[in-house]
Amino acid sequence: MKKLTQREEMAYSTIARFEVELEQAKVGVWIKCSDRLPEYNQNVLVCFETVLKTQQITTAELNHQKRCSDPASTDFDEIWYVTVGRGHKIKPTHWQPLPAPPTE
């Protein structure tokens, strides 16, 4: 078997990564938050564990918030906010894109 060049290995690695991302972008596929996060301010479906240790599904947005009031600070925390109801903070384990709205 022929040994791949560094350029060929990088190309195969890039293709494999894109195939995984394409598969994960499909609606209905849960993505672990530890693997990848959605874009900021994108409304997505999330799954999180409640204080009673049950799983719950809702919609939420990932935002970033400064850790301190210093305008020069570049330290941010990533915070999820529920987009339905009171907008409380949650810590999801998984997320997925929302399906397209109905056309009829």
C-alpha atoms as a PDB file:
ATOM      1  CA  MET A   1       0.000   0.000   0.000  1.00  0.00           C
ATOM      2  CA  LYS A   2       1.317   3.427  -1.000  1.00  0.00           C
ATOM      3  CA  LYS A   3       2.215   5.786   1.841  1.00  0.00           C
ATOM      4  CA  LEU A   4       0.182   8.995   1.701  1.00  0.00           C
ATOM      5  CA  THR A   5       1.918  12.325   1.458  1.00  0.00           C
ATOM      6  CA  GLN A   6       1.333  14.893   4.189  1.00  0.00           C
ATOM      7  CA  ARG A   7      -0.876  16.876   1.802  1.00  0.00           C
ATOM      8  CA  GLU A   8      -2.990  13.798   1.008  1.00  0.00           C
ATOM      9  CA  GLU A   9      -3.344  12.976   4.718  1.00  0.00           C
ATOM     10  CA  MET A  10      -4.517  16.556   5.404  1.00  0.00           C
ATOM     11  CA  ALA A  11      -7.021  16.346   2.530  1.00  0.00           C
ATOM     12  CA  TYR A  12      -8.465  13.039   3.796  1.00  0.00           C
ATOM     13  CA  SER A  13      -8.630  14.430   7.332  1.00  0.00           C
ATOM     14  CA  THR A  14     -10.472  17.542   6.116  1.00  0.00           C
ATOM     15  CA  ILE A  15     -12.929  15.463   4.078  1.00  0.00           C
ATOM     16  CA  ALA A  16     -13.602  13.197   7.073  1.00  0.00           C
ATOM     17  CA  ARG A  17     -14.208  16.215   9.326  1.00  0.00           C
ATOM     18  CA  PHE A  18     -16.614  17.756   6.807  1.00  0.00           C
ATOM     19  CA  GLU A  19     -18.478  14.441   6.472  1.00  0.00           C
ATOM     20  CA  VAL A  20     -18.956  14.341  10.258  1.00  0.00           C
ATOM     21  CA  GLU A  21     -20.105  17.974  10.359  1.00  0.00           C
ATOM     22  CA  LEU A  22     -22.497  17.388   7.469  1.00  0.00           C
ATOM     23  CA  GLU A  23     -23.982  14.381   9.237  1.00  0.00           C
ATOM     24  CA  GLN A  24     -24.311  16.307  12.494  1.00  0.00           C
ATOM     25  CA  ALA A  25     -25.971  19.252  10.745  1.00  0.00           C
ATOM     26  CA  LYS A  26     -28.918  17.077   9.790  1.00  0.00           C
ATOM     27  CA  VAL A  27     -32.036  17.825  11.781  1.00  0.00           C
ATOM     28  CA  GLY A  28     -32.781  15.111  14.303  1.00  0.00           C
ATOM     29  CA  VAL A  29     -29.153  14.329  15.141  1.00  0.00           C
ATOM     30  CA  TRP A  30     -28.118  15.299  18.675  1.00  0.00           C
ATOM     31  CA  ILE A  31     -24.685  16.903  18.960  1.00  0.00           C
ATOM     32  CA  LYS A  32     -22.788  16.757  22.257  1.00  0.00           C
ATOM     33  CA  CYS A  33     -22.023  20.232  23.578  1.00  0.00           C
ATOM     34  CA  SER A  34     -18.572  18.946  24.503  1.00  0.00           C
ATOM     35  CA  ASP A  35     -17.962  18.077  20.815  1.00  0.00           C
ATOM     36  CA  ARG A  36     -19.228  21.240  19.148  1.00  0.00           C
ATOM     37  CA  LEU A  37     -21.334  24.299  19.966  1.00  0.00           C
ATOM     38  CA  PRO A  38     -23.724  26.181  17.691  1.00  0.00           C
ATOM     39  CA  GLU A  39     -23.086  29.738  16.554  1.00  0.00           C
ATOM     40  CA  TYR A  40     -23.866  32.434  19.121  1.00  0.00           C
ATOM     41  CA  ASN A  41     -27.464  33.731  19.168  1.00  0.00           C
ATOM     42  CA  GLN A  42     -28.723  30.812  17.043  1.00  0.00           C
ATOM     43  CA  ASN A  43     -31.987  29.357  18.336  1.00  0.00           C
ATOM     44  CA  VAL A  44     -31.532  25.567  18.621  1.00  0.00           C
ATOM     45  CA  LEU A  45     -33.178  22.590  20.261  1.00  0.00           C
ATOM     46  CA  VAL A  46     -31.368  21.547  23.463  1.00  0.00           C
ATOM     47  CA  CYS A  47     -31.515  18.674  25.923  1.00  0.00           C
ATOM     48  CA  PHE A  48     -30.542  19.288  29.544  1.00  0.00           C
ATOM     49  CA  GLU A  49     -30.801  17.562  32.908  1.00  0.00           C
ATOM     50  CA  THR A  50     -33.101  19.097  35.510  1.00  0.00           C
ATOM     51  CA  VAL A  51     -32.379  19.291  39.240  1.00  0.00           C
ATOM     52  CA  LEU A  52     -34.579  16.190  39.569  1.00  0.00           C
ATOM     53  CA  LYS A  53     -32.174  14.351  37.212  1.00  0.00           C
ATOM     54  CA  THR A  54     -34.722  14.077  34.393  1.00  0.00           C
ATOM     55  CA  GLN A  55     -33.986  15.094  30.830  1.00  0.00           C
ATOM     56  CA  GLN A  56     -35.895  17.982  29.329  1.00  0.00           C
ATOM     57  CA  ILE A  57     -35.956  19.400  25.796  1.00  0.00           C
ATOM     58  CA  THR A  58     -36.489  23.077  24.958  1.00  0.00           C
ATOM     59  CA  THR A  59     -35.166  25.776  22.658  1.00  0.00           C
ATOM     60  CA  ALA A  60     -32.239  27.942  23.696  1.00  0.00           C
ATOM     61  CA  GLU A  61     -29.549  30.296  22.422  1.00  0.00           C
ATOM     62  CA  LEU A  62     -25.869  30.296  23.281  1.00  0.00           C
ATOM     63  CA  ASN A  63     -24.586  33.759  24.198  1.00  0.00           C
ATOM     64  CA  HIS A  64     -21.401  35.129  25.652  1.00  0.00           C
ATOM     65  CA  GLN A  65     -21.169  37.507  28.562  1.00  0.00           C
ATOM     66  CA  LYS A  66     -18.189  39.393  29.973  1.00  0.00           C
ATOM     67  CA  ARG A  67     -16.860  38.009  33.220  1.00  0.00           C
ATOM     68  CA  CYS A  68     -16.198  41.472  34.657  1.00  0.00           C
ATOM     69  CA  SER A  69     -17.256  45.077  33.999  1.00  0.00           C
ATOM     70  CA  ASP A  70     -13.820  46.142  32.713  1.00  0.00           C
ATOM     71  CA  PRO A  71     -14.396  47.302  29.084  1.00  0.00           C
ATOM     72  CA  ALA A  72     -10.880  46.163  28.138  1.00  0.00           C
ATOM     73  CA  SER A  73     -11.505  42.634  29.371  1.00  0.00           C
ATOM     74  CA  THR A  74     -11.652  39.891  26.772  1.00  0.00           C
ATOM     75  CA  ASP A  75     -12.753  37.185  29.233  1.00  0.00           C
ATOM     76  CA  PHE A  76     -16.193  35.848  28.376  1.00  0.00           C
ATOM     77  CA  ASP A  77     -18.400  33.093  29.757  1.00  0.00           C
ATOM     78  CA  GLU A  78     -20.585  31.065  27.430  1.00  0.00           C
ATOM     79  CA  ILE A  79     -24.168  31.095  28.713  1.00  0.00           C
ATOM     80  CA  TRP A  80     -27.231  29.278  27.385  1.00  0.00           C
ATOM     81  CA  TYR A  81     -30.584  31.041  27.705  1.00  0.00           C
ATOM     82  CA  VAL A  82     -33.944  29.363  27.201  1.00  0.00           C
ATOM     83  CA  THR A  83     -35.787  31.192  24.412  1.00  0.00           C
ATOM     84  CA  VAL A  84     -39.300  30.111  25.433  1.00  0.00           C
ATOM     85  CA  GLY A  85     -40.732  31.236  28.767  1.00  0.00           C
ATOM     86  CA  ARG A  86     -38.729  33.251  31.258  1.00  0.00           C
ATOM     87  CA  GLY A  87     -35.336  33.057  29.559  1.00  0.00           C
ATOM     88  CA  HIS A  88     -33.599  31.318  32.469  1.00  0.00           C
ATOM     89  CA  LYS A  89     -30.082  29.901  32.202  1.00  0.00           C
ATOM     90  CA  ILE A  90     -29.513  26.183  31.588  1.00  0.00           C
ATOM     91  CA  LYS A  91     -26.572  23.840  31.000  1.00  0.00           C
ATOM     92  CA  PRO A  92     -27.447  21.596  28.024  1.00  0.00           C
ATOM     93  CA  THR A  93     -25.664  18.343  27.304  1.00  0.00           C
ATOM     94  CA  HIS A  94     -26.754  18.116  23.643  1.00  0.00           C
ATOM     95  CA  TRP A  95     -28.199  20.335  20.905  1.00  0.00           C
ATOM     96  CA  GLN A  96     -29.453  20.158  17.328  1.00  0.00           C
ATOM     97  CA  PRO A  97     -30.620  22.611  14.669  1.00  0.00           C
ATOM     98  CA  LEU A  98     -34.317  23.422  14.577  1.00  0.00           C
ATOM     99  CA  PRO A  99     -36.291  21.922  11.699  1.00  0.00           C
ATOM    100  CA  ALA A 100     -37.560  24.208   8.954  1.00  0.00           C
ATOM    101  CA  PRO A 101     -41.018  25.666   9.648  1.00  0.00           C
ATOM    102  CA  PRO A 102     -43.997  24.125   7.850  1.00  0.00           C
ATOM    103  CA  THR A 103     -44.753  25.466   4.381  1.00  0.00           C
ATOM    104  CA  GLU A 104     -48.515  24.895   4.470  1.00  0.00           C
END
